[in-house]
Amino acid sequence: MKLKINKESDTLYFRLDEAAVVESEEVQPGVILDYDKENRVVGFEILGISTRVSAENLRTLQFETI
């Protein structure tokens, strides 16, 4: 899994695996899902991340496994 935050494009991209993306769909304004050939979600992108998350929360990433 990979998480990228691009300050220039103001986006967050979360990639679940390395399968080829064959289709993308904007499911809500500024939220895009990427699908593989078997129609499984392999990644998602959030546009305008700075308007959705505070700058403080963008600086600190917490990861939790339960």
Protein backbone atom coordinates (compact mmCIF):
# COMPACT_ATOMS: atom_id res chain seq x y z
CA MET A 1 0.00 0.00 0.00
CA LYS A 2 1.15 3.52 -0.76
CA LEU A 3 -0.11 6.90 0.34
CA LYS A 4 0.90 10.05 -1.54
CA ILE A 5 0.04 13.63 -0.71
CA ASN A 6 0.88 16.04 -3.53
CA LYS A 7 0.98 19.63 -2.28
CA GLU A 8 1.20 21.09 -5.80
CA SER A 9 -1.95 19.39 -7.07
CA ASP A 10 -3.58 19.39 -3.60
CA THR A 11 -4.41 15.69 -3.81
CA LEU A 12 -4.18 12.59 -1.67
CA TYR A 13 -3.79 9.23 -3.42
CA PHE A 14 -4.04 5.89 -1.65
CA ARG A 15 -2.98 2.85 -3.66
CA LEU A 16 -3.97 -0.60 -2.37
CA ASP A 17 -1.88 -2.70 -4.77
CA GLU A 18 0.01 -2.56 -8.06
CA ALA A 19 -2.72 -3.98 -10.33
CA ALA A 20 -3.20 -2.03 -13.55
CA VAL A 21 -5.94 0.60 -13.41
CA VAL A 22 -8.43 0.03 -16.22
CA GLU A 23 -11.20 2.39 -15.16
CA SER A 24 -11.71 5.37 -12.86
CA GLU A 25 -14.96 6.76 -11.53
CA GLU A 26 -15.71 9.96 -9.64
CA VAL A 27 -18.12 8.65 -7.01
CA GLN A 28 -18.59 12.00 -5.26
CA PRO A 29 -17.27 15.44 -6.18
CA GLY A 30 -13.49 15.22 -5.84
CA VAL A 31 -13.40 11.53 -4.84
CA ILE A 32 -12.15 9.17 -7.54
CA LEU A 33 -11.96 5.38 -7.34
CA ASP A 34 -9.58 3.37 -9.54
CA TYR A 35 -10.59 -0.16 -10.59
CA ASP A 36 -8.62 -3.12 -11.94
CA LYS A 37 -9.75 -5.49 -14.74
CA GLU A 38 -11.83 -7.50 -12.25
CA ASN A 39 -13.67 -4.34 -11.11
CA ARG A 40 -11.93 -4.29 -7.72
CA VAL A 41 -10.96 -0.95 -6.18
CA VAL A 42 -7.16 -0.67 -6.28
CA GLY A 43 -6.82 2.99 -5.34
CA PHE A 44 -8.61 6.20 -4.59
CA GLU A 45 -7.82 9.87 -4.97
CA ILE A 46 -9.19 12.84 -3.08
CA LEU A 47 -8.95 16.21 -4.81
CA GLY A 48 -8.70 19.45 -2.86
CA ILE A 49 -7.40 17.64 0.20
CA SER A 50 -6.40 20.89 1.96
CA THR A 51 -10.04 21.99 2.02
CA ARG A 52 -11.15 18.66 3.53
CA VAL A 53 -8.43 18.11 6.16
CA SER A 54 -6.71 20.58 8.46
CA ALA A 55 -3.04 21.39 7.81
CA GLU A 56 -2.22 19.90 11.22
CA ASN A 57 -3.77 16.56 10.29
CA LEU A 58 -1.98 16.53 6.93
CA ARG A 59 1.37 16.82 8.73
CA THR A 60 0.71 13.82 10.97
CA LEU A 61 -0.31 10.44 9.65
CA GLN A 62 -1.53 7.79 12.07
CA PHE A 63 -1.67 4.17 11.05
CA GLU A 64 -3.57 1.63 13.11
CA THR A 65 -3.90 -2.12 12.65
CA ILE A 66 -6.49 -3.89 14.77
